[in-house]
Amino acid sequence: MKFDLEQARKYKKITQKELANLLGVSEATYISWEKNPDNVRVGYAKQIASILGISYDVIFFGNELQFNLN
C-alpha cells in the first residue's frame, strides 16, 4: 500500500491542525507541506512518520507499506 502525506494523515484520522500542533508548526506551514512534501525538512519528516506510525520511506519516497501478517 502506498501513502502520500495527506493520505497517511487521513488514514490515521488526524486533522491538519492537530498534526501541525503536534509538530509545533503553523497550520499554514503544514498545509504547504502536504502540497509540496519536498519542502519538509528531514527532522520534521521523521516526526511526522513517528506520529502517524507509518514509515518515513512510505510517506515521503513512495515505497510500499509492508504488512507482516505472521
Protein backbone atom coordinates (compact mmCIF):
# COMPACT_ATOMS: atom_id res chain seq x y z
CA MET A 1 0.00 0.00 0.00
CA LYS A 2 1.32 3.47 -0.85
CA PHE A 3 0.56 6.70 1.02
CA ASP A 4 1.41 10.31 0.36
CA LEU A 5 1.48 12.77 3.25
CA GLU A 6 -2.20 13.71 3.02
CA GLN A 7 -3.37 10.11 2.66
CA ALA A 8 -1.27 8.98 5.62
CA ARG A 9 -2.71 11.74 7.82
CA LYS A 10 -6.28 10.95 6.79
CA TYR A 11 -5.69 7.22 7.30
CA LYS A 12 -4.78 7.98 10.91
CA LYS A 13 -7.81 10.30 11.26
CA ILE A 14 -5.78 13.34 12.27
CA THR A 15 -6.65 16.84 11.05
CA GLN A 16 -4.11 19.18 9.51
CA LYS A 17 -4.47 21.47 12.51
CA GLU A 18 -3.91 18.62 15.01
CA LEU A 19 -0.80 17.42 13.22
CA ALA A 20 0.55 20.96 12.89
CA ASN A 21 0.07 21.44 16.66
CA LEU A 22 1.85 18.16 17.43
CA LEU A 23 4.76 19.29 15.25
CA GLY A 24 4.85 22.82 16.68
CA VAL A 25 4.31 24.49 13.29
CA SER A 26 1.52 26.65 11.94
CA GLU A 27 -1.39 25.04 10.14
CA ALA A 28 -0.41 27.03 7.03
CA THR A 29 3.09 25.54 7.12
CA TYR A 30 1.73 22.03 7.43
CA ILE A 31 -0.76 22.58 4.60
CA SER A 32 2.09 23.80 2.38
CA TRP A 33 3.99 20.57 3.16
CA GLU A 34 1.05 18.46 2.03
CA LYS A 35 1.03 20.38 -1.25
CA ASN A 36 4.80 20.13 -1.68
CA PRO A 37 6.32 17.45 0.58
CA ASP A 38 9.77 18.09 -0.89
CA ASN A 39 9.90 21.16 1.37
CA VAL A 40 9.64 19.16 4.61
CA ARG A 41 12.94 19.06 6.48
CA VAL A 42 14.21 15.61 7.43
CA GLY A 43 13.66 16.17 11.15
CA TYR A 44 10.02 17.08 10.62
CA ALA A 45 9.54 14.24 8.15
CA LYS A 46 10.76 11.77 10.76
CA GLN A 47 8.49 13.32 13.40
CA ILE A 48 5.50 13.06 11.06
CA ALA A 49 6.29 9.41 10.34
CA SER A 50 6.58 8.70 14.06
CA ILE A 51 3.31 10.47 14.91
CA LEU A 52 1.44 8.70 12.12
CA GLY A 53 3.09 5.35 12.76
CA ILE A 54 3.94 4.93 9.08
CA SER A 55 7.49 4.64 7.79
CA TYR A 56 9.23 7.78 6.56
CA ASP A 57 10.11 5.89 3.35
CA VAL A 58 6.46 5.13 2.64
CA ILE A 59 5.19 8.68 3.14
CA PHE A 60 8.00 10.65 1.54
CA PHE A 61 9.53 8.28 -1.01
CA GLY A 62 6.53 6.34 -2.25
CA ASN A 63 7.74 2.98 -1.01
CA GLU A 64 5.10 0.32 -0.43
CA LEU A 65 3.82 -0.24 3.10
CA GLN A 66 4.59 -3.82 4.05
CA PHE A 67 2.32 -5.73 6.38
CA ASN A 68 3.67 -8.63 8.40
CA LEU A 69 0.75 -10.99 8.92
CA ASN A 70 2.72 -13.56 10.93
